[in-house]
Amino acid sequence: MKHNREWPFDKEDMAEAVRVLKAGGVILYPTDTVWGLGCDATNAEAVERIYKIKQRDDSKALIVLADSDAMISRYVVEPPEVAWDVIELANKPTTIIFDQGRNLAPNLLAQDGSVGIRLSREDFSSQLCFHLRKPIVSTSANISGQPTPRIFREITEEIRQQVDYVVSYRQHDTIPAAPSSVIRLGRGGEVKVIRK
C-alpha cells in the first residue's frame, strides 16, 4: 500500500490516536466498516479493557485490522495461498479467519488459536496500522448483545466515556455502514463462508 499521498483526515487527529495506541490505550475510530473500539492487538492488557468495555466474554475472539499482506504474514502462521486471492478479489470488506495467529495478545485469539484479520483499504484505519506498525483490534463500538452502531451518532455515551481517545474524522458521516463479510480459510485451502 502506498502511503505518500495527501490524506483527507487531520494529521493531529491521527497522531493523537497513534500516541494513545502506543501508550496501551483504547480508541474509538472509523474503520472500513462500522465504527470500532481499537487498541494495539499485541497488548493483552489493552485487549482486556476492550472486553470489559463491551461487557463481553473473552472466549469470543476479536477481529484485527492490518494495512498490508506483509503485516498479515507476520501475525498468521502459514497463511494459505488462497488468502491472497480472496483479499485481491473481494469487492467489499472481508475478514478472513486464519487457523493460527501468532505474535498477538493471547486473549485476542479464539480458543482454538484462530484469528480473524481484515486488510483495511479505508484511509484512516489503514494509516493507523501503518504508523503503529502493528495490527489494531477492530470490534464494533457497542456493548455485547446491543445493536451495532452504523454511524458515529448511534454510539452510546456509555461507550464514548470509557475510551481514551475519540477520533474526529468521519464523525459526521450519515451513510450507515455494514459489517464485513467473514470467511474461514483452512491451512489446506478450504473455504467456509461464515457471513456474506
N, C-alpha and C. Protein backbone atom coordinates (compact mmCIF):
# COMPACT_ATOMS: atom_id res chain seq x y z
N MET A 1 0.85 -1.19 0.00
CA MET A 1 0.00 0.00 0.00
C MET A 1 0.88 1.24 0.00
N LYS A 2 0.54 2.20 -0.83
CA LYS A 2 1.32 3.43 -0.89
C LYS A 2 0.84 4.40 0.19
N HIS A 3 1.79 5.07 0.79
CA HIS A 3 1.47 5.98 1.89
C HIS A 3 2.04 7.37 1.64
N ASN A 4 2.05 7.81 0.40
CA ASN A 4 2.71 9.08 0.11
C ASN A 4 1.77 10.11 -0.54
N ARG A 5 0.46 9.93 -0.35
CA ARG A 5 -0.46 10.91 -0.93
C ARG A 5 -1.05 11.78 0.17
N GLU A 6 -1.78 12.80 -0.23
CA GLU A 6 -2.47 13.64 0.76
C GLU A 6 -3.65 12.89 1.32
N TRP A 7 -3.81 12.92 2.63
CA TRP A 7 -4.91 12.19 3.26
C TRP A 7 -6.03 13.15 3.63
N PRO A 8 -7.27 12.66 3.65
CA PRO A 8 -8.41 13.54 3.91
C PRO A 8 -8.63 13.87 5.39
N PHE A 9 -7.83 13.26 6.26
CA PHE A 9 -8.03 13.48 7.70
C PHE A 9 -6.97 14.42 8.27
N ASP A 10 -7.25 14.91 9.46
CA ASP A 10 -6.34 15.82 10.15
C ASP A 10 -5.15 15.04 10.71
N LYS A 11 -3.95 15.51 10.42
CA LYS A 11 -2.74 14.80 10.87
C LYS A 11 -2.65 14.73 12.40
N GLU A 12 -3.13 15.78 13.08
CA GLU A 12 -3.09 15.78 14.55
C GLU A 12 -4.03 14.71 15.12
N ASP A 13 -5.16 14.53 14.48
CA ASP A 13 -6.13 13.50 14.89
C ASP A 13 -5.46 12.13 14.80
N MET A 14 -4.78 11.87 13.69
CA MET A 14 -4.06 10.61 13.50
C MET A 14 -2.93 10.47 14.53
N ALA A 15 -2.15 11.52 14.71
CA ALA A 15 -1.01 11.46 15.63
C ALA A 15 -1.45 11.15 17.05
N GLU A 16 -2.55 11.76 17.48
CA GLU A 16 -3.03 11.52 18.85
C GLU A 16 -3.56 10.09 18.99
N ALA A 17 -4.26 9.61 17.98
CA ALA A 17 -4.76 8.22 18.03
C ALA A 17 -3.60 7.24 18.12
N VAL A 18 -2.55 7.47 17.34
CA VAL A 18 -1.37 6.59 17.37
C VAL A 18 -0.68 6.68 18.73
N ARG A 19 -0.55 7.89 19.27
CA ARG A 19 0.09 8.06 20.58
C ARG A 19 -0.66 7.26 21.65
N VAL A 20 -1.99 7.34 21.63
CA VAL A 20 -2.80 6.61 22.63
C VAL A 20 -2.63 5.10 22.46
N LEU A 21 -2.63 4.64 21.22
CA LEU A 21 -2.44 3.20 20.97
C LEU A 21 -1.08 2.73 21.47
N LYS A 22 -0.04 3.51 21.19
CA LYS A 22 1.32 3.13 21.64
C LYS A 22 1.42 3.10 23.16
N ALA A 23 0.63 3.94 23.82
CA ALA A 23 0.64 4.00 25.29
C ALA A 23 -0.24 2.92 25.92
N GLY A 24 -0.83 2.06 25.09
CA GLY A 24 -1.66 0.98 25.62
C GLY A 24 -3.11 1.37 25.83
N GLY A 25 -3.53 2.49 25.21
CA GLY A 25 -4.90 2.96 25.39
C GLY A 25 -5.89 2.36 24.40
N VAL A 26 -7.16 2.76 24.58
CA VAL A 26 -8.26 2.30 23.72
C VAL A 26 -8.84 3.51 23.01
N ILE A 27 -9.07 3.38 21.70
CA ILE A 27 -9.65 4.47 20.92
C ILE A 27 -10.99 4.06 20.32
N LEU A 28 -11.75 5.07 19.95
CA LEU A 28 -13.00 4.89 19.20
C LEU A 28 -12.71 5.48 17.83
N TYR A 29 -12.82 4.69 16.76
CA TYR A 29 -12.34 5.15 15.46
C TYR A 29 -13.15 4.58 14.30
N PRO A 30 -13.13 5.30 13.14
CA PRO A 30 -13.83 4.79 11.96
C PRO A 30 -12.98 3.73 11.27
N THR A 31 -13.63 2.68 10.79
CA THR A 31 -12.93 1.62 10.06
C THR A 31 -13.49 1.53 8.65
N ASP A 32 -13.13 0.47 7.95
CA ASP A 32 -13.66 0.23 6.61
C ASP A 32 -15.09 -0.30 6.67
N THR A 33 -15.58 -0.57 7.88
CA THR A 33 -16.99 -0.98 8.07
C THR A 33 -17.60 -0.03 9.10
N VAL A 34 -18.05 -0.57 10.24
CA VAL A 34 -18.67 0.26 11.27
C VAL A 34 -17.60 0.90 12.16
N TRP A 35 -18.00 1.86 13.00
CA TRP A 35 -17.06 2.45 13.97
C TRP A 35 -16.60 1.34 14.92
N GLY A 36 -15.32 1.43 15.31
CA GLY A 36 -14.76 0.37 16.12
C GLY A 36 -14.12 0.85 17.41
N LEU A 37 -14.05 -0.06 18.35
CA LEU A 37 -13.19 0.09 19.53
C LEU A 37 -11.87 -0.52 19.13
N GLY A 38 -10.77 0.21 19.35
CA GLY A 38 -9.48 -0.29 18.90
C GLY A 38 -8.39 -0.17 19.94
N CYS A 39 -7.41 -1.07 19.81
CA CYS A 39 -6.19 -1.00 20.63
C CYS A 39 -5.11 -1.76 19.90
N ASP A 40 -3.89 -1.66 20.40
CA ASP A 40 -2.75 -2.43 19.88
C ASP A 40 -3.08 -3.92 20.07
N ALA A 41 -3.14 -4.65 18.97
CA ALA A 41 -3.55 -6.06 19.01
C ALA A 41 -2.51 -6.98 19.65
N THR A 42 -1.34 -6.42 19.99
CA THR A 42 -0.32 -7.24 20.66
C THR A 42 -0.29 -6.98 22.17
N ASN A 43 -1.13 -6.07 22.65
CA ASN A 43 -1.13 -5.66 24.06
C ASN A 43 -2.30 -6.31 24.80
N ALA A 44 -1.99 -7.34 25.60
CA ALA A 44 -3.05 -8.12 26.26
C ALA A 44 -3.87 -7.29 27.25
N GLU A 45 -3.23 -6.34 27.95
CA GLU A 45 -3.97 -5.51 28.91
C GLU A 45 -4.96 -4.60 28.20
N ALA A 46 -4.55 -4.04 27.06
CA ALA A 46 -5.45 -3.18 26.29
C ALA A 46 -6.62 -4.01 25.72
N VAL A 47 -6.31 -5.22 25.26
CA VAL A 47 -7.36 -6.11 24.74
C VAL A 47 -8.36 -6.43 25.86
N GLU A 48 -7.86 -6.69 27.05
CA GLU A 48 -8.74 -6.98 28.20
C GLU A 48 -9.68 -5.82 28.48
N ARG A 49 -9.17 -4.59 28.34
CA ARG A 49 -10.03 -3.41 28.54
C ARG A 49 -11.18 -3.38 27.55
N ILE A 50 -10.91 -3.76 26.32
CA ILE A 50 -11.98 -3.76 25.30
C ILE A 50 -13.05 -4.78 25.66
N TYR A 51 -12.64 -5.96 26.12
CA TYR A 51 -13.64 -6.95 26.57
C TYR A 51 -14.50 -6.36 27.68
N LYS A 52 -13.87 -5.64 28.61
CA LYS A 52 -14.61 -5.06 29.74
C LYS A 52 -15.58 -3.97 29.26
N ILE A 53 -15.11 -3.11 28.34
CA ILE A 53 -15.98 -2.05 27.82
C ILE A 53 -17.20 -2.66 27.12
N LYS A 54 -16.97 -3.72 26.36
CA LYS A 54 -18.06 -4.37 25.63
C LYS A 54 -18.90 -5.30 26.52
N GLN A 55 -18.40 -5.55 27.75
CA GLN A 55 -19.05 -6.50 28.66
C GLN A 55 -19.20 -7.85 27.96
N ARG A 56 -18.10 -8.26 27.37
CA ARG A 56 -18.11 -9.45 26.52
C ARG A 56 -17.17 -10.51 27.08
N ASP A 57 -17.57 -11.75 26.99
CA ASP A 57 -16.77 -12.88 27.44
C ASP A 57 -15.50 -12.97 26.59
N ASP A 58 -14.35 -13.08 27.23
CA ASP A 58 -13.11 -13.09 26.45
C ASP A 58 -12.86 -14.42 25.73
N SER A 59 -13.82 -15.36 25.81
CA SER A 59 -13.69 -16.57 24.99
C SER A 59 -14.11 -16.29 23.55
N LYS A 60 -14.75 -15.12 23.32
CA LYS A 60 -15.14 -14.72 21.96
C LYS A 60 -14.01 -13.86 21.39
N ALA A 61 -13.40 -14.35 20.33
CA ALA A 61 -12.24 -13.67 19.75
C ALA A 61 -12.61 -12.32 19.16
N LEU A 62 -11.60 -11.45 19.02
CA LEU A 62 -11.79 -10.13 18.41
C LEU A 62 -11.11 -10.09 17.05
N ILE A 63 -11.70 -9.33 16.12
CA ILE A 63 -11.12 -9.14 14.79
C ILE A 63 -10.01 -8.09 14.88
N VAL A 64 -9.02 -8.22 14.00
CA VAL A 64 -7.98 -7.19 13.91
C VAL A 64 -7.85 -6.70 12.47
N LEU A 65 -7.39 -5.46 12.35
CA LEU A 65 -7.13 -4.86 11.04
C LEU A 65 -5.64 -4.82 10.77
N ALA A 66 -5.27 -5.02 9.50
CA ALA A 66 -3.88 -4.89 9.05
C ALA A 66 -3.86 -3.96 7.85
N ASP A 67 -2.66 -3.45 7.53
CA ASP A 67 -2.57 -2.50 6.40
C ASP A 67 -1.90 -3.08 5.17
N SER A 68 -1.44 -4.34 5.26
CA SER A 68 -0.70 -4.92 4.12
C SER A 68 -0.66 -6.43 4.22
N ASP A 69 -0.36 -7.08 3.08
CA ASP A 69 -0.16 -8.53 3.08
C ASP A 69 0.99 -8.91 4.01
N ALA A 70 2.04 -8.07 4.01
CA ALA A 70 3.22 -8.35 4.84
C ALA A 70 2.85 -8.38 6.32
N MET A 71 1.99 -7.45 6.74
CA MET A 71 1.57 -7.42 8.14
C MET A 71 0.77 -8.67 8.48
N ILE A 72 -0.10 -9.09 7.58
CA ILE A 72 -0.87 -10.32 7.83
C ILE A 72 0.09 -11.50 8.00
N SER A 73 1.09 -11.59 7.15
CA SER A 73 2.05 -12.70 7.22
C SER A 73 2.81 -12.74 8.53
N ARG A 74 3.05 -11.57 9.14
CA ARG A 74 3.78 -11.53 10.41
C ARG A 74 2.95 -12.05 11.58
N TYR A 75 1.63 -12.03 11.42
CA TYR A 75 0.77 -12.37 12.55
C TYR A 75 -0.09 -13.62 12.33
N VAL A 76 0.17 -14.33 11.24
CA VAL A 76 -0.55 -15.58 10.94
C VAL A 76 0.48 -16.65 10.62
N VAL A 77 0.29 -17.85 11.17
CA VAL A 77 1.17 -18.98 10.86
C VAL A 77 0.73 -19.57 9.52
N GLU A 78 1.61 -19.54 8.56
CA GLU A 78 1.39 -20.13 7.23
C GLU A 78 0.03 -19.78 6.61
N PRO A 79 -0.20 -18.52 6.24
CA PRO A 79 -1.46 -18.19 5.57
C PRO A 79 -1.58 -18.98 4.26
N PRO A 80 -2.72 -19.62 4.00
CA PRO A 80 -2.85 -20.37 2.74
C PRO A 80 -2.82 -19.42 1.54
N GLU A 81 -2.30 -19.91 0.42
CA GLU A 81 -2.16 -19.07 -0.78
C GLU A 81 -3.48 -18.45 -1.22
N VAL A 82 -4.58 -19.18 -1.02
CA VAL A 82 -5.88 -18.68 -1.47
C VAL A 82 -6.27 -17.38 -0.75
N ALA A 83 -5.66 -17.13 0.41
CA ALA A 83 -5.98 -15.90 1.16
C ALA A 83 -5.69 -14.66 0.32
N TRP A 84 -4.58 -14.68 -0.41
CA TRP A 84 -4.19 -13.50 -1.19
C TRP A 84 -5.17 -13.28 -2.35
N ASP A 85 -5.70 -14.37 -2.90
CA ASP A 85 -6.72 -14.25 -3.96
C ASP A 85 -8.01 -13.67 -3.39
N VAL A 86 -8.40 -14.15 -2.22
CA VAL A 86 -9.63 -13.65 -1.58
C VAL A 86 -9.51 -12.15 -1.32
N ILE A 87 -8.36 -11.73 -0.78
CA ILE A 87 -8.14 -10.31 -0.48
C ILE A 87 -8.17 -9.47 -1.76
N GLU A 88 -7.51 -9.97 -2.79
CA GLU A 88 -7.42 -9.20 -4.04
C GLU A 88 -8.78 -9.09 -4.75
N LEU A 89 -9.57 -10.16 -4.69
CA LEU A 89 -10.82 -10.20 -5.46
C LEU A 89 -12.04 -9.70 -4.70
N ALA A 90 -11.91 -9.53 -3.38
CA ALA A 90 -13.07 -9.12 -2.58
C ALA A 90 -13.57 -7.75 -3.02
N ASN A 91 -14.89 -7.64 -3.21
CA ASN A 91 -15.46 -6.35 -3.63
C ASN A 91 -16.11 -5.62 -2.46
N LYS A 92 -15.95 -6.15 -1.25
CA LYS A 92 -16.38 -5.46 -0.04
C LYS A 92 -15.45 -5.88 1.08
N PRO A 93 -15.41 -5.14 2.20
CA PRO A 93 -14.52 -5.54 3.30
C PRO A 93 -14.76 -6.99 3.72
N THR A 94 -13.68 -7.77 3.77
CA THR A 94 -13.78 -9.20 4.05
C THR A 94 -12.79 -9.59 5.13
N THR A 95 -13.33 -10.12 6.22
CA THR A 95 -12.50 -10.63 7.32
C THR A 95 -12.20 -12.10 7.05
N ILE A 96 -10.93 -12.46 7.16
CA ILE A 96 -10.54 -13.86 6.97
C ILE A 96 -10.15 -14.44 8.32
N ILE A 97 -10.76 -15.57 8.65
CA ILE A 97 -10.36 -16.28 9.88
C ILE A 97 -9.30 -17.30 9.49
N PHE A 98 -8.10 -17.10 10.04
CA PHE A 98 -6.97 -17.99 9.80
C PHE A 98 -6.85 -18.98 10.96
N ASP A 99 -6.35 -20.18 10.65
CA ASP A 99 -6.29 -21.24 11.66
C ASP A 99 -5.44 -20.90 12.87
N GLN A 100 -4.33 -20.18 12.66
CA GLN A 100 -3.41 -19.95 13.77
C GLN A 100 -2.77 -18.58 13.71
N GLY A 101 -3.10 -17.75 14.71
CA GLY A 101 -2.47 -16.45 14.83
C GLY A 101 -1.15 -16.57 15.58
N ARG A 102 -0.30 -15.56 15.47
CA ARG A 102 0.97 -15.54 16.21
C ARG A 102 1.35 -14.08 16.48
N ASN A 103 2.18 -13.88 17.49
CA ASN A 103 2.70 -12.55 17.85
C ASN A 103 1.60 -11.57 18.25
N LEU A 104 0.42 -12.08 18.61
CA LEU A 104 -0.70 -11.25 19.03
C LEU A 104 -0.98 -11.49 20.50
N ALA A 105 -1.77 -10.60 21.11
CA ALA A 105 -2.16 -10.82 22.51
C ALA A 105 -2.90 -12.16 22.61
N PRO A 106 -2.50 -13.04 23.53
CA PRO A 106 -3.13 -14.37 23.61
C PRO A 106 -4.65 -14.30 23.83
N ASN A 107 -5.11 -13.28 24.58
CA ASN A 107 -6.54 -13.18 24.88
C ASN A 107 -7.36 -12.64 23.71
N LEU A 108 -6.68 -12.34 22.62
CA LEU A 108 -7.36 -11.88 21.40
C LEU A 108 -7.78 -13.07 20.53
N LEU A 109 -7.03 -14.16 20.62
CA LEU A 109 -7.26 -15.33 19.78
C LEU A 109 -8.47 -16.13 20.26
N ALA A 110 -9.08 -16.87 19.34
CA ALA A 110 -10.15 -17.79 19.72
C ALA A 110 -9.53 -18.95 20.51
N GLN A 111 -10.36 -19.74 21.15
CA GLN A 111 -9.85 -20.84 21.98
C GLN A 111 -9.05 -21.86 21.17
N ASP A 112 -9.35 -21.96 19.87
CA ASP A 112 -8.60 -22.91 19.02
C ASP A 112 -7.35 -22.28 18.40
N GLY A 113 -7.04 -21.03 18.80
CA GLY A 113 -5.84 -20.36 18.29
C GLY A 113 -6.04 -19.58 17.01
N SER A 114 -7.26 -19.62 16.47
CA SER A 114 -7.52 -18.92 15.21
C SER A 114 -7.68 -17.42 15.44
N VAL A 115 -7.56 -16.66 14.35
CA VAL A 115 -7.69 -15.20 14.43
C VAL A 115 -8.36 -14.67 13.16
N GLY A 116 -9.22 -13.67 13.32
CA GLY A 116 -9.85 -13.00 12.19
C GLY A 116 -9.10 -11.72 11.87
N ILE A 117 -8.61 -11.61 10.64
CA ILE A 117 -7.85 -10.42 10.22
C ILE A 117 -8.46 -9.87 8.93
N ARG A 118 -8.52 -8.55 8.87
CA ARG A 118 -9.03 -7.90 7.66
C ARG A 118 -8.01 -6.88 7.17
N LEU A 119 -7.73 -6.91 5.88
CA LEU A 119 -6.87 -5.90 5.28
C LEU A 119 -7.75 -4.68 5.00
N SER A 120 -7.48 -3.57 5.69
CA SER A 120 -8.31 -2.38 5.54
C SER A 120 -7.82 -1.52 4.38
N ARG A 121 -8.77 -1.13 3.53
CA ARG A 121 -8.45 -0.20 2.45
C ARG A 121 -9.02 1.19 2.74
N GLU A 122 -9.52 1.38 3.95
CA GLU A 122 -10.07 2.67 4.37
C GLU A 122 -8.91 3.55 4.84
N ASP A 123 -8.94 4.82 4.47
CA ASP A 123 -7.80 5.71 4.72
C ASP A 123 -7.32 5.73 6.16
N PHE A 124 -8.22 6.04 7.09
CA PHE A 124 -7.79 6.29 8.46
C PHE A 124 -7.29 5.01 9.13
N SER A 125 -8.08 3.94 9.07
CA SER A 125 -7.69 2.73 9.80
C SER A 125 -6.44 2.08 9.21
N SER A 126 -6.26 2.14 7.88
CA SER A 126 -5.05 1.55 7.31
C SER A 126 -3.82 2.36 7.73
N GLN A 127 -3.97 3.69 7.79
CA GLN A 127 -2.85 4.53 8.23
C GLN A 127 -2.53 4.35 9.71
N LEU A 128 -3.55 4.09 10.51
CA LEU A 128 -3.30 3.78 11.94
C LEU A 128 -2.38 2.57 12.06
N CYS A 129 -2.70 1.50 11.32
CA CYS A 129 -1.87 0.29 11.36
C CYS A 129 -0.46 0.60 10.86
N PHE A 130 -0.37 1.39 9.78
CA PHE A 130 0.92 1.73 9.20
C PHE A 130 1.80 2.48 10.19
N HIS A 131 1.23 3.48 10.87
CA HIS A 131 2.01 4.29 11.80
C HIS A 131 2.31 3.56 13.11
N LEU A 132 1.39 2.71 13.55
CA LEU A 132 1.64 1.90 14.75
C LEU A 132 2.62 0.77 14.44
N ARG A 133 2.64 0.36 13.16
CA ARG A 133 3.43 -0.78 12.69
C ARG A 133 2.99 -2.09 13.31
N LYS A 134 1.72 -2.13 13.66
CA LYS A 134 1.12 -3.35 14.25
C LYS A 134 -0.34 -3.40 13.84
N PRO A 135 -0.95 -4.59 13.92
CA PRO A 135 -2.38 -4.66 13.68
C PRO A 135 -3.16 -4.04 14.84
N ILE A 136 -4.38 -3.64 14.56
CA ILE A 136 -5.23 -2.96 15.55
C ILE A 136 -6.53 -3.72 15.72
N VAL A 137 -6.94 -3.90 16.96
CA VAL A 137 -8.24 -4.52 17.23
C VAL A 137 -9.34 -3.68 16.58
N SER A 138 -10.31 -4.37 16.01
CA SER A 138 -11.47 -3.69 15.43
C SER A 138 -12.72 -4.47 15.81
N THR A 139 -13.41 -3.99 16.83
CA THR A 139 -14.66 -4.62 17.25
C THR A 139 -15.71 -3.53 17.35
N SER A 140 -16.93 -3.85 16.99
CA SER A 140 -17.98 -2.82 16.94
C SER A 140 -18.12 -2.09 18.27
N ALA A 141 -18.41 -0.79 18.18
CA ALA A 141 -18.42 0.09 19.35
C ALA A 141 -19.77 0.04 20.08
N ASN A 142 -20.05 -1.13 20.63
CA ASN A 142 -21.30 -1.32 21.37
C ASN A 142 -21.08 -2.34 22.48
N ILE A 143 -21.99 -2.33 23.45
CA ILE A 143 -21.98 -3.36 24.48
C ILE A 143 -22.50 -4.64 23.84
N SER A 144 -21.85 -5.75 24.16
CA SER A 144 -22.18 -7.03 23.54
C SER A 144 -23.68 -7.33 23.65
N GLY A 145 -24.28 -7.69 22.52
CA GLY A 145 -25.70 -8.01 22.50
C GLY A 145 -26.59 -6.85 22.11
N GLN A 146 -26.04 -5.62 22.18
CA GLN A 146 -26.82 -4.45 21.77
C GLN A 146 -26.60 -4.19 20.27
N PRO A 147 -27.48 -3.39 19.63
CA PRO A 147 -27.33 -3.15 18.19
C PRO A 147 -25.98 -2.51 17.85
N THR A 148 -25.45 -2.92 16.70
CA THR A 148 -24.19 -2.35 16.22
C THR A 148 -24.44 -0.95 15.68
N PRO A 149 -23.71 0.08 16.18
CA PRO A 149 -23.90 1.43 15.65
C PRO A 149 -23.33 1.54 14.23
N ARG A 150 -24.15 1.99 13.30
CA ARG A 150 -23.73 2.05 11.89
C ARG A 150 -23.13 3.40 11.53
N ILE A 151 -23.40 4.41 12.35
CA ILE A 151 -22.76 5.73 12.19
C ILE A 151 -22.38 6.22 13.59
N PHE A 152 -21.52 7.24 13.64
CA PHE A 152 -20.97 7.68 14.92
C PHE A 152 -22.04 8.08 15.93
N ARG A 153 -23.07 8.81 15.49
CA ARG A 153 -24.04 9.32 16.46
C ARG A 153 -24.88 8.22 17.11
N GLU A 154 -24.80 6.99 16.58
CA GLU A 154 -25.52 5.87 17.21
C GLU A 154 -24.71 5.23 18.35
N ILE A 155 -23.47 5.67 18.54
CA ILE A 155 -22.65 5.11 19.62
C ILE A 155 -23.10 5.72 20.94
N THR A 156 -23.33 4.88 21.93
CA THR A 156 -23.84 5.38 23.22
C THR A 156 -22.80 6.17 23.98
N GLU A 157 -23.29 7.06 24.83
CA GLU A 157 -22.40 7.86 25.69
C GLU A 157 -21.61 6.94 26.62
N GLU A 158 -22.22 5.85 27.04
CA GLU A 158 -21.54 4.89 27.93
C GLU A 158 -20.25 4.36 27.28
N ILE A 159 -20.31 4.06 25.99
CA ILE A 159 -19.12 3.59 25.28
C ILE A 159 -18.12 4.73 25.11
N ARG A 160 -18.60 5.90 24.68
CA ARG A 160 -17.70 7.04 24.43
C ARG A 160 -16.91 7.43 25.67
N GLN A 161 -17.54 7.33 26.84
CA GLN A 161 -16.90 7.76 28.09
C GLN A 161 -15.77 6.82 28.54
N GLN A 162 -15.76 5.60 28.01
CA GLN A 162 -14.80 4.60 28.52
C GLN A 162 -13.51 4.49 27.70
N VAL A 163 -13.42 5.22 26.58
CA VAL A 163 -12.20 5.14 25.76
C VAL A 163 -11.27 6.30 26.10
N ASP A 164 -10.02 6.18 25.65
CA ASP A 164 -9.02 7.20 25.94
C ASP A 164 -8.96 8.29 24.87
N TYR A 165 -9.47 7.97 23.67
CA TYR A 165 -9.48 8.98 22.61
C TYR A 165 -10.59 8.66 21.62
N VAL A 166 -11.33 9.70 21.22
CA VAL A 166 -12.38 9.57 20.20
C VAL A 166 -11.89 10.30 18.96
N VAL A 167 -11.71 9.56 17.88
CA VAL A 167 -11.24 10.15 16.62
C VAL A 167 -12.29 11.11 16.06
N SER A 168 -11.83 12.25 15.56
CA SER A 168 -12.74 13.26 14.99
C SER A 168 -13.19 12.90 13.57
N TYR A 169 -12.26 12.31 12.81
CA TYR A 169 -12.51 12.03 11.39
C TYR A 169 -13.77 11.18 11.19
N ARG A 170 -14.61 11.58 10.26
CA ARG A 170 -15.82 10.87 9.84
C ARG A 170 -16.93 10.81 10.88
N GLN A 171 -16.87 11.64 11.91
CA GLN A 171 -17.96 11.64 12.90
C GLN A 171 -19.28 12.10 12.28
N HIS A 172 -19.21 12.89 11.21
CA HIS A 172 -20.43 13.45 10.63
C HIS A 172 -20.96 12.64 9.44
N ASP A 173 -20.37 11.48 9.19
CA ASP A 173 -20.91 10.62 8.12
C ASP A 173 -22.37 10.29 8.41
N THR A 174 -23.18 10.28 7.37
CA THR A 174 -24.60 9.95 7.56
C THR A 174 -25.01 8.67 6.84
N ILE A 175 -24.09 8.11 6.05
CA ILE A 175 -24.42 6.85 5.34
C ILE A 175 -24.11 5.67 6.26
N PRO A 176 -25.12 4.86 6.61
CA PRO A 176 -24.88 3.74 7.52
C PRO A 176 -23.90 2.72 6.94
N ALA A 177 -22.99 2.27 7.77
CA ALA A 177 -22.02 1.26 7.35
C ALA A 177 -22.57 -0.13 7.65
N ALA A 178 -21.98 -1.13 7.02
CA ALA A 178 -22.38 -2.52 7.26
C ALA A 178 -21.16 -3.31 7.72
N PRO A 179 -21.38 -4.39 8.49
CA PRO A 179 -20.25 -5.23 8.90
C PRO A 179 -19.61 -5.92 7.68
N SER A 180 -18.44 -6.49 7.89
CA SER A 180 -17.72 -7.15 6.80
C SER A 180 -18.29 -8.54 6.52
N SER A 181 -17.91 -9.07 5.36
CA SER A 181 -18.09 -10.50 5.11
C SER A 181 -17.07 -11.23 5.98
N VAL A 182 -17.36 -12.48 6.33
CA VAL A 182 -16.41 -13.28 7.11
C VAL A 182 -16.23 -14.63 6.43
N ILE A 183 -14.97 -14.98 6.17
CA ILE A 183 -14.64 -16.25 5.52
C ILE A 183 -13.59 -16.96 6.37
N ARG A 184 -13.77 -18.27 6.55
CA ARG A 184 -12.73 -19.04 7.27
C ARG A 184 -11.92 -19.83 6.25
N LEU A 185 -10.60 -19.75 6.37
CA LEU A 185 -9.71 -20.49 5.48
C LEU A 185 -8.92 -21.51 6.27
N GLY A 186 -9.00 -22.76 5.84
CA GLY A 186 -8.19 -23.80 6.46
C GLY A 186 -6.80 -23.81 5.86
N ARG A 187 -5.86 -24.44 6.54
CA ARG A 187 -4.48 -24.46 6.05
C ARG A 187 -4.37 -25.16 4.70
N GLY A 188 -5.27 -26.09 4.46
CA GLY A 188 -5.24 -26.80 3.17
C GLY A 188 -5.95 -26.03 2.08
N GLY A 189 -6.40 -24.81 2.39
CA GLY A 189 -7.07 -24.01 1.38
C GLY A 189 -8.59 -24.13 1.38
N GLU A 190 -9.16 -24.87 2.37
CA GLU A 190 -10.62 -24.99 2.44
C GLU A 190 -11.22 -23.62 2.74
N VAL A 191 -12.33 -23.32 2.10
CA VAL A 191 -13.00 -22.02 2.28
C VAL A 191 -14.40 -22.24 2.85
N LYS A 192 -14.71 -21.55 3.93
CA LYS A 192 -16.05 -21.65 4.52
C LYS A 192 -16.57 -20.24 4.74
N VAL A 193 -17.73 -19.90 4.15
CA VAL A 193 -18.32 -18.59 4.32
C VAL A 193 -19.10 -18.56 5.64
N ILE A 194 -18.70 -17.65 6.54
CA ILE A 194 -19.37 -17.51 7.85
C ILE A 194 -20.45 -16.45 7.77
N ARG A 195 -20.14 -15.32 7.12
CA ARG A 195 -21.12 -14.24 6.97
C ARG A 195 -20.91 -13.60 5.61
N LYS A 196 -21.98 -13.52 4.81
CA LYS A 196 -21.87 -12.93 3.46
C LYS A 196 -21.80 -11.43 3.53
